[in-house]
Amino acid sequence: MTDTLFIYLVVINFIAFLVYGIDKYKAIKKKWRIPESTLIALAVVGGGLGAFLAMKAFRHKTQHVKFTVLVPLSLVLWVVGLMFCLL
């Protein structure tokens, strides 16, 4: 079970990082954007670390309060949940 969870978290965090990067690219090019609800959902379903790192790396969504609160909060909740479940 823990191997599957580890693989899931690696994949979802990679996807979150990639999607945030794509959205930043689209923002620069003034193209159709990825909905904010999708970006937040990626963090909530386990991609909080990837989303957080992408926000810092791409300087994307760092001025939006809901992102600066919900992304780190989702990351903390996942870490606490994992510690609780795996210990």
PDB file of N, CA and C in Angstrom:
ATOM      1  N   MET A   1       0.822  -1.200   0.000  1.00  0.00           N
ATOM      2  CA  MET A   1       0.000   0.000   0.000  1.00  0.00           C
ATOM      3  C   MET A   1       0.862   1.260   0.000  1.00  0.00           C
ATOM      4  N   THR A   2       1.910   1.292   0.785  1.00  0.00           N
ATOM      5  CA  THR A   2       2.719   2.501   0.866  1.00  0.00           C
ATOM      6  C   THR A   2       3.487   2.746  -0.430  1.00  0.00           C
ATOM      7  N   ASP A   3       3.866   1.694  -1.158  1.00  0.00           N
ATOM      8  CA  ASP A   3       4.538   1.885  -2.446  1.00  0.00           C
ATOM      9  C   ASP A   3       3.606   2.547  -3.442  1.00  0.00           C
ATOM     10  N   THR A   4       2.365   2.111  -3.464  1.00  0.00           N
ATOM     11  CA  THR A   4       1.375   2.698  -4.369  1.00  0.00           C
ATOM     12  C   THR A   4       1.132   4.158  -4.015  1.00  0.00           C
ATOM     13  N   LEU A   5       1.018   4.450  -2.736  1.00  0.00           N
ATOM     14  CA  LEU A   5       0.805   5.824  -2.288  1.00  0.00           C
ATOM     15  C   LEU A   5       2.001   6.694  -2.655  1.00  0.00           C
ATOM     16  N   PHE A   6       3.202   6.187  -2.465  1.00  0.00           N
ATOM     17  CA  PHE A   6       4.412   6.932  -2.816  1.00  0.00           C
ATOM     18  C   PHE A   6       4.439   7.255  -4.308  1.00  0.00           C
ATOM     19  N   ILE A   7       4.139   6.261  -5.139  1.00  0.00           N
ATOM     20  CA  ILE A   7       4.128   6.479  -6.591  1.00  0.00           C
ATOM     21  C   ILE A   7       3.055   7.499  -6.961  1.00  0.00           C
ATOM     22  N   TYR A   8       1.877   7.376  -6.347  1.00  0.00           N
ATOM     23  CA  TYR A   8       0.796   8.334  -6.597  1.00  0.00           C
ATOM     24  C   TYR A   8       1.247   9.757  -6.272  1.00  0.00           C
ATOM     25  N   LEU A   9       1.865   9.944  -5.112  1.00  0.00           N
ATOM     26  CA  LEU A   9       2.276  11.279  -4.697  1.00  0.00           C
ATOM     27  C   LEU A   9       3.362  11.844  -5.606  1.00  0.00           C
ATOM     28  N   VAL A  10       4.284  11.016  -6.039  1.00  0.00           N
ATOM     29  CA  VAL A  10       5.315  11.480  -6.974  1.00  0.00           C
ATOM     30  C   VAL A  10       4.668  11.934  -8.278  1.00  0.00           C
ATOM     31  N   VAL A  11       3.767  11.120  -8.797  1.00  0.00           N
ATOM     32  CA  VAL A  11       3.120  11.440 -10.076  1.00  0.00           C
ATOM     33  C   VAL A  11       2.244  12.686  -9.966  1.00  0.00           C
ATOM     34  N   ILE A  12       1.417  12.777  -8.939  1.00  0.00           N
ATOM     35  CA  ILE A  12       0.504  13.923  -8.812  1.00  0.00           C
ATOM     36  C   ILE A  12       1.279  15.214  -8.571  1.00  0.00           C
ATOM     37  N   ASN A  13       2.388  15.137  -7.861  1.00  0.00           N
ATOM     38  CA  ASN A  13       3.189  16.338  -7.647  1.00  0.00           C
ATOM     39  C   ASN A  13       3.903  16.764  -8.926  1.00  0.00           C
ATOM     40  N   PHE A  14       4.354  15.807  -9.712  1.00  0.00           N
ATOM     41  CA  PHE A  14       4.955  16.124 -11.012  1.00  0.00           C
ATOM     42  C   PHE A  14       3.913  16.777 -11.918  1.00  0.00           C
ATOM     43  N   ILE A  15       2.711  16.216 -11.941  1.00  0.00           N
ATOM     44  CA  ILE A  15       1.636  16.775 -12.766  1.00  0.00           C
ATOM     45  C   ILE A  15       1.290  18.189 -12.304  1.00  0.00           C
ATOM     46  N   ALA A  16       1.181  18.389 -10.995  1.00  0.00           N
ATOM     47  CA  ALA A  16       0.853  19.722 -10.467  1.00  0.00           C
ATOM     48  C   ALA A  16       1.920  20.731 -10.873  1.00  0.00           C
ATOM     49  N   PHE A  17       3.185  20.369 -10.714  1.00  0.00           N
ATOM     50  CA  PHE A  17       4.282  21.271 -11.094  1.00  0.00           C
ATOM     51  C   PHE A  17       4.182  21.616 -12.580  1.00  0.00           C
ATOM     52  N   LEU A  18       3.962  20.607 -13.396  1.00  0.00           N
ATOM     53  CA  LEU A  18       3.868  20.789 -14.838  1.00  0.00           C
ATOM     54  C   LEU A  18       2.680  21.674 -15.220  1.00  0.00           C
ATOM     55  N   VAL A  19       1.523  21.427 -14.628  1.00  0.00           N
ATOM     56  CA  VAL A  19       0.316  22.199 -14.960  1.00  0.00           C
ATOM     57  C   VAL A  19       0.471  23.657 -14.531  1.00  0.00           C
ATOM     58  N   TYR A  20       1.057  23.909 -13.376  1.00  0.00           N
ATOM     59  CA  TYR A  20       1.289  25.288 -12.951  1.00  0.00           C
ATOM     60  C   TYR A  20       2.249  25.975 -13.923  1.00  0.00           C
ATOM     61  N   GLY A  21       3.263  25.266 -14.384  1.00  0.00           N
ATOM     62  CA  GLY A  21       4.190  25.827 -15.368  1.00  0.00           C
ATOM     63  C   GLY A  21       3.506  26.136 -16.685  1.00  0.00           C
ATOM     64  N   ILE A  22       2.645  25.240 -17.128  1.00  0.00           N
ATOM     65  CA  ILE A  22       1.896  25.462 -18.367  1.00  0.00           C
ATOM     66  C   ILE A  22       0.984  26.682 -18.217  1.00  0.00           C
ATOM     67  N   ASP A  23       0.330  26.799 -17.069  1.00  0.00           N
ATOM     68  CA  ASP A  23      -0.550  27.941 -16.854  1.00  0.00           C
ATOM     69  C   ASP A  23       0.239  29.254 -16.856  1.00  0.00           C
ATOM     70  N   LYS A  24       1.410  29.248 -16.283  1.00  0.00           N
ATOM     71  CA  LYS A  24       2.249  30.452 -16.291  1.00  0.00           C
ATOM     72  C   LYS A  24       2.638  30.813 -17.727  1.00  0.00           C
ATOM     73  N   TYR A  25       3.016  29.809 -18.513  1.00  0.00           N
ATOM     74  CA  TYR A  25       3.357  30.033 -19.913  1.00  0.00           C
ATOM     75  C   TYR A  25       2.167  30.640 -20.664  1.00  0.00           C
ATOM     76  N   LYS A  26       0.979  30.070 -20.428  1.00  0.00           N
ATOM     77  CA  LYS A  26      -0.218  30.576 -21.094  1.00  0.00           C
ATOM     78  C   LYS A  26      -0.549  31.993 -20.637  1.00  0.00           C
ATOM     79  N   ALA A  27      -0.274  32.304 -19.393  1.00  0.00           N
ATOM     80  CA  ALA A  27      -0.511  33.663 -18.892  1.00  0.00           C
ATOM     81  C   ALA A  27       0.393  34.663 -19.611  1.00  0.00           C
ATOM     82  N   ILE A  28       1.639  34.291 -19.790  1.00  0.00           N
ATOM     83  CA  ILE A  28       2.591  35.171 -20.470  1.00  0.00           C
ATOM     84  C   ILE A  28       2.177  35.383 -21.927  1.00  0.00           C
ATOM     85  N   LYS A  29       1.724  34.318 -22.581  1.00  0.00           N
ATOM     86  CA  LYS A  29       1.360  34.371 -24.000  1.00  0.00           C
ATOM     87  C   LYS A  29      -0.071  34.864 -24.229  1.00  0.00           C
ATOM     88  N   LYS A  30      -0.769  35.207 -23.141  1.00  0.00           N
ATOM     89  CA  LYS A  30      -2.155  35.680 -23.225  1.00  0.00           C
ATOM     90  C   LYS A  30      -3.062  34.681 -23.952  1.00  0.00           C
ATOM     91  N   LYS A  31      -2.913  33.416 -23.591  1.00  0.00           N
ATOM     92  CA  LYS A  31      -3.722  32.347 -24.165  1.00  0.00           C
ATOM     93  C   LYS A  31      -4.734  31.848 -23.143  1.00  0.00           C
ATOM     94  N   TRP A  32      -5.580  30.906 -23.582  1.00  0.00           N
ATOM     95  CA  TRP A  32      -6.568  30.297 -22.702  1.00  0.00           C
ATOM     96  C   TRP A  32      -5.866  29.708 -21.486  1.00  0.00           C
ATOM     97  N   ARG A  33      -6.435  29.947 -20.304  1.00  0.00           N
ATOM     98  CA  ARG A  33      -5.799  29.550 -19.052  1.00  0.00           C
ATOM     99  C   ARG A  33      -6.447  28.330 -18.435  1.00  0.00           C
ATOM    100  N   ILE A  34      -5.707  27.686 -17.582  1.00  0.00           N
ATOM    101  CA  ILE A  34      -6.215  26.564 -16.800  1.00  0.00           C
ATOM    102  C   ILE A  34      -7.023  27.155 -15.642  1.00  0.00           C
ATOM    103  N   PRO A  35      -8.236  26.655 -15.400  1.00  0.00           N
ATOM    104  CA  PRO A  35      -9.065  27.214 -14.322  1.00  0.00           C
ATOM    105  C   PRO A  35      -8.368  27.134 -12.958  1.00  0.00           C
ATOM    106  N   GLU A  36      -8.580  28.181 -12.160  1.00  0.00           N
ATOM    107  CA  GLU A  36      -7.990  28.205 -10.822  1.00  0.00           C
ATOM    108  C   GLU A  36      -8.471  27.030  -9.988  1.00  0.00           C
ATOM    109  N   SER A  37      -9.719  26.616 -10.191  1.00  0.00           N
ATOM    110  CA  SER A  37     -10.247  25.479  -9.426  1.00  0.00           C
ATOM    111  C   SER A  37      -9.456  24.206  -9.722  1.00  0.00           C
ATOM    112  N   THR A  38      -8.988  24.057 -10.952  1.00  0.00           N
ATOM    113  CA  THR A  38      -8.173  22.890 -11.310  1.00  0.00           C
ATOM    114  C   THR A  38      -6.821  22.957 -10.619  1.00  0.00           C
ATOM    115  N   LEU A  39      -6.229  24.134 -10.598  1.00  0.00           N
ATOM    116  CA  LEU A  39      -4.923  24.301  -9.952  1.00  0.00           C
ATOM    117  C   LEU A  39      -5.014  24.009  -8.452  1.00  0.00           C
ATOM    118  N   ILE A  40      -6.048  24.522  -7.810  1.00  0.00           N
ATOM    119  CA  ILE A  40      -6.242  24.263  -6.379  1.00  0.00           C
ATOM    120  C   ILE A  40      -6.526  22.779  -6.148  1.00  0.00           C
ATOM    121  N   ALA A  41      -7.357  22.184  -7.006  1.00  0.00           N
ATOM    122  CA  ALA A  41      -7.706  20.766  -6.848  1.00  0.00           C
ATOM    123  C   ALA A  41      -6.471  19.878  -6.931  1.00  0.00           C
ATOM    124  N   LEU A  42      -5.537  20.207  -7.801  1.00  0.00           N
ATOM    125  CA  LEU A  42      -4.304  19.418  -7.899  1.00  0.00           C
ATOM    126  C   LEU A  42      -3.543  19.422  -6.573  1.00  0.00           C
ATOM    127  N   ALA A  43      -3.529  20.564  -5.903  1.00  0.00           N
ATOM    128  CA  ALA A  43      -2.864  20.639  -4.600  1.00  0.00           C
ATOM    129  C   ALA A  43      -3.619  19.824  -3.558  1.00  0.00           C
ATOM    130  N   VAL A  44      -4.929  19.919  -3.571  1.00  0.00           N
ATOM    131  CA  VAL A  44      -5.754  19.248  -2.564  1.00  0.00           C
ATOM    132  C   VAL A  44      -5.678  17.731  -2.680  1.00  0.00           C
ATOM    133  N   VAL A  45      -5.585  17.211  -3.899  1.00  0.00           N
ATOM    134  CA  VAL A  45      -5.568  15.749  -4.065  1.00  0.00           C
ATOM    135  C   VAL A  45      -4.179  15.152  -3.889  1.00  0.00           C
ATOM    136  N   GLY A  46      -3.235  15.946  -3.407  1.00  0.00           N
ATOM    137  CA  GLY A  46      -1.921  15.400  -3.086  1.00  0.00           C
ATOM    138  C   GLY A  46      -0.755  16.083  -3.767  1.00  0.00           C
ATOM    139  N   GLY A  47      -1.034  17.037  -4.645  1.00  0.00           N
ATOM    140  CA  GLY A  47       0.038  17.708  -5.370  1.00  0.00           C
ATOM    141  C   GLY A  47       0.484  19.018  -4.750  1.00  0.00           C
ATOM    142  N   GLY A  48       0.301  19.143  -3.461  1.00  0.00           N
ATOM    143  CA  GLY A  48       0.642  20.388  -2.766  1.00  0.00           C
ATOM    144  C   GLY A  48       2.101  20.781  -2.871  1.00  0.00           C
ATOM    145  N   LEU A  49       2.990  19.815  -2.774  1.00  0.00           N
ATOM    146  CA  LEU A  49       4.423  20.122  -2.855  1.00  0.00           C
ATOM    147  C   LEU A  49       4.786  20.589  -4.263  1.00  0.00           C
ATOM    148  N   GLY A  50       4.300  19.883  -5.272  1.00  0.00           N
ATOM    149  CA  GLY A  50       4.563  20.276  -6.650  1.00  0.00           C
ATOM    150  C   GLY A  50       3.993  21.647  -6.953  1.00  0.00           C
ATOM    151  N   ALA A  51       2.781  21.902  -6.469  1.00  0.00           N
ATOM    152  CA  ALA A  51       2.143  23.201  -6.681  1.00  0.00           C
ATOM    153  C   ALA A  51       2.929  24.307  -5.979  1.00  0.00           C
ATOM    154  N   PHE A  52       3.329  24.040  -4.743  1.00  0.00           N
ATOM    155  CA  PHE A  52       4.082  25.041  -3.976  1.00  0.00           C
ATOM    156  C   PHE A  52       5.426  25.352  -4.639  1.00  0.00           C
ATOM    157  N   LEU A  53       6.132  24.312  -5.047  1.00  0.00           N
ATOM    158  CA  LEU A  53       7.426  24.516  -5.711  1.00  0.00           C
ATOM    159  C   LEU A  53       7.260  25.253  -7.035  1.00  0.00           C
ATOM    160  N   ALA A  54       6.197  24.942  -7.768  1.00  0.00           N
ATOM    161  CA  ALA A  54       5.935  25.630  -9.039  1.00  0.00           C
ATOM    162  C   ALA A  54       5.602  27.097  -8.806  1.00  0.00           C
ATOM    163  N   MET A  55       4.840  27.380  -7.756  1.00  0.00           N
ATOM    164  CA  MET A  55       4.523  28.775  -7.444  1.00  0.00           C
ATOM    165  C   MET A  55       5.802  29.571  -7.207  1.00  0.00           C
ATOM    166  N   LYS A  56       6.737  28.963  -6.522  1.00  0.00           N
ATOM    167  CA  LYS A  56       8.010  29.638  -6.250  1.00  0.00           C
ATOM    168  C   LYS A  56       8.894  29.699  -7.496  1.00  0.00           C
ATOM    169  N   ALA A  57       9.010  28.587  -8.216  1.00  0.00           N
ATOM    170  CA  ALA A  57       9.901  28.516  -9.378  1.00  0.00           C
ATOM    171  C   ALA A  57       9.442  29.428 -10.509  1.00  0.00           C
ATOM    172  N   PHE A  58       8.121  29.457 -10.748  1.00  0.00           N
ATOM    173  CA  PHE A  58       7.601  30.234 -11.865  1.00  0.00           C
ATOM    174  C   PHE A  58       7.068  31.600 -11.444  1.00  0.00           C
ATOM    175  N   ARG A  59       7.113  31.882 -10.146  1.00  0.00           N
ATOM    176  CA  ARG A  59       6.525  33.108  -9.597  1.00  0.00           C
ATOM    177  C   ARG A  59       5.099  33.265 -10.107  1.00  0.00           C
ATOM    178  N   HIS A  60       4.340  32.216  -9.899  1.00  0.00           N
ATOM    179  CA  HIS A  60       2.984  32.148 -10.434  1.00  0.00           C
ATOM    180  C   HIS A  60       1.973  31.989  -9.314  1.00  0.00           C
ATOM    181  N   LYS A  61       0.943  32.810  -9.340  1.00  0.00           N
ATOM    182  CA  LYS A  61      -0.156  32.787  -8.370  1.00  0.00           C
ATOM    183  C   LYS A  61       0.300  33.145  -6.957  1.00  0.00           C
ATOM    184  N   THR A  62       1.417  33.808  -6.834  1.00  0.00           N
ATOM    185  CA  THR A  62       1.938  34.136  -5.505  1.00  0.00           C
ATOM    186  C   THR A  62       1.260  35.366  -4.892  1.00  0.00           C
ATOM    187  N   GLN A  63       0.504  36.101  -5.678  1.00  0.00           N
ATOM    188  CA  GLN A  63      -0.204  37.277  -5.161  1.00  0.00           C
ATOM    189  C   GLN A  63      -1.671  36.984  -4.856  1.00  0.00           C
ATOM    190  N   HIS A  64      -2.105  35.758  -5.131  1.00  0.00           N
ATOM    191  CA  HIS A  64      -3.495  35.367  -4.896  1.00  0.00           C
ATOM    192  C   HIS A  64      -3.601  34.719  -3.522  1.00  0.00           C
ATOM    193  N   VAL A  65      -4.407  35.325  -2.650  1.00  0.00           N
ATOM    194  CA  VAL A  65      -4.519  34.857  -1.268  1.00  0.00           C
ATOM    195  C   VAL A  65      -4.968  33.396  -1.214  1.00  0.00           C
ATOM    196  N   LYS A  66      -5.933  33.020  -2.051  1.00  0.00           N
ATOM    197  CA  LYS A  66      -6.413  31.636  -1.956  1.00  0.00           C
ATOM    198  C   LYS A  66      -5.319  30.638  -2.296  1.00  0.00           C
ATOM    199  N   PHE A  67      -4.384  31.004  -3.151  1.00  0.00           N
ATOM    200  CA  PHE A  67      -3.280  30.100  -3.473  1.00  0.00           C
ATOM    201  C   PHE A  67      -2.221  30.116  -2.370  1.00  0.00           C
ATOM    202  N   THR A  68      -1.929  31.287  -1.836  1.00  0.00           N
ATOM    203  CA  THR A  68      -0.900  31.365  -0.800  1.00  0.00           C
ATOM    204  C   THR A  68      -1.363  30.741   0.515  1.00  0.00           C
ATOM    205  N   VAL A  69      -2.681  30.520   0.652  1.00  0.00           N
ATOM    206  CA  VAL A  69      -3.204  29.864   1.850  1.00  0.00           C
ATOM    207  C   VAL A  69      -3.507  28.387   1.577  1.00  0.00           C
ATOM    208  N   LEU A  70      -4.256  28.116   0.520  1.00  0.00           N
ATOM    209  CA  LEU A  70      -4.743  26.751   0.285  1.00  0.00           C
ATOM    210  C   LEU A  70      -3.655  25.770  -0.149  1.00  0.00           C
ATOM    211  N   VAL A  71      -2.698  26.217  -0.943  1.00  0.00           N
ATOM    212  CA  VAL A  71      -1.647  25.293  -1.393  1.00  0.00           C
ATOM    213  C   VAL A  71      -0.775  24.841  -0.214  1.00  0.00           C
ATOM    214  N   PRO A  72      -0.227  25.771   0.586  1.00  0.00           N
ATOM    215  CA  PRO A  72       0.553  25.301   1.744  1.00  0.00           C
ATOM    216  C   PRO A  72      -0.297  24.524   2.760  1.00  0.00           C
ATOM    217  N   LEU A  73      -1.555  24.936   2.928  1.00  0.00           N
ATOM    218  CA  LEU A  73      -2.433  24.225   3.853  1.00  0.00           C
ATOM    219  C   LEU A  73      -2.659  22.795   3.394  1.00  0.00           C
ATOM    220  N   SER A  74      -2.889  22.601   2.113  1.00  0.00           N
ATOM    221  CA  SER A  74      -3.088  21.241   1.609  1.00  0.00           C
ATOM    222  C   SER A  74      -1.822  20.405   1.796  1.00  0.00           C
ATOM    223  N   LEU A  75      -0.676  21.017   1.602  1.00  0.00           N
ATOM    224  CA  LEU A  75       0.593  20.309   1.803  1.00  0.00           C
ATOM    225  C   LEU A  75       0.741  19.885   3.264  1.00  0.00           C
ATOM    226  N   VAL A  76       0.470  20.782   4.173  1.00  0.00           N
ATOM    227  CA  VAL A  76       0.579  20.477   5.604  1.00  0.00           C
ATOM    228  C   VAL A  76      -0.403  19.374   5.994  1.00  0.00           C
ATOM    229  N   LEU A  77      -1.632  19.462   5.499  1.00  0.00           N
ATOM    230  CA  LEU A  77      -2.629  18.438   5.828  1.00  0.00           C
ATOM    231  C   LEU A  77      -2.211  17.068   5.300  1.00  0.00           C
ATOM    232  N   TRP A  78      -1.649  17.003   4.110  1.00  0.00           N
ATOM    233  CA  TRP A  78      -1.170  15.730   3.569  1.00  0.00           C
ATOM    234  C   TRP A  78      -0.017  15.175   4.408  1.00  0.00           C
ATOM    235  N   VAL A  79       0.908  16.043   4.795  1.00  0.00           N
ATOM    236  CA  VAL A  79       2.054  15.586   5.598  1.00  0.00           C
ATOM    237  C   VAL A  79       1.568  15.063   6.954  1.00  0.00           C
ATOM    238  N   VAL A  80       0.688  15.799   7.597  1.00  0.00           N
ATOM    239  CA  VAL A  80       0.154  15.363   8.888  1.00  0.00           C
ATOM    240  C   VAL A  80      -0.634  14.060   8.720  1.00  0.00           C
ATOM    241  N   GLY A  81      -1.453  13.991   7.685  1.00  0.00           N
ATOM    242  CA  GLY A  81      -2.225  12.771   7.433  1.00  0.00           C
ATOM    243  C   GLY A  81      -1.336  11.571   7.178  1.00  0.00           C
ATOM    244  N   LEU A  82      -0.277  11.766   6.409  1.00  0.00           N
ATOM    245  CA  LEU A  82       0.656  10.669   6.139  1.00  0.00           C
ATOM    246  C   LEU A  82       1.389  10.229   7.402  1.00  0.00           C
ATOM    247  N   MET A  83       1.799  11.205   8.196  1.00  0.00           N
ATOM    248  CA  MET A  83       2.479  10.857   9.446  1.00  0.00           C
ATOM    249  C   MET A  83       1.533  10.072  10.363  1.00  0.00           C
ATOM    250  N   PHE A  84       0.299  10.494  10.425  1.00  0.00           N
ATOM    251  CA  PHE A  84      -0.686   9.815  11.268  1.00  0.00           C
ATOM    252  C   PHE A  84      -0.957   8.392  10.780  1.00  0.00           C
ATOM    253  N   CYS A  85      -1.077   8.232   9.469  1.00  0.00           N
ATOM    254  CA  CYS A  85      -1.414   6.922   8.896  1.00  0.00           C
ATOM    255  C   CYS A  85      -0.230   5.957   8.876  1.00  0.00           C
ATOM    256  N   LEU A  86       0.978   6.487   8.679  1.00  0.00           N
ATOM    257  CA  LEU A  86       2.126   5.613   8.522  1.00  0.00           C
ATOM    258  C   LEU A  86       2.868   5.311   9.813  1.00  0.00           C
ATOM    259  N   LEU A  87       2.549   6.018  10.860  1.00  0.00           N
ATOM    260  CA  LEU A  87       3.240   5.750  12.138  1.00  0.00           C
ATOM    261  C   LEU A  87       2.464   4.828  13.020  1.00  0.00           C
TER     262      LEU A  87
END
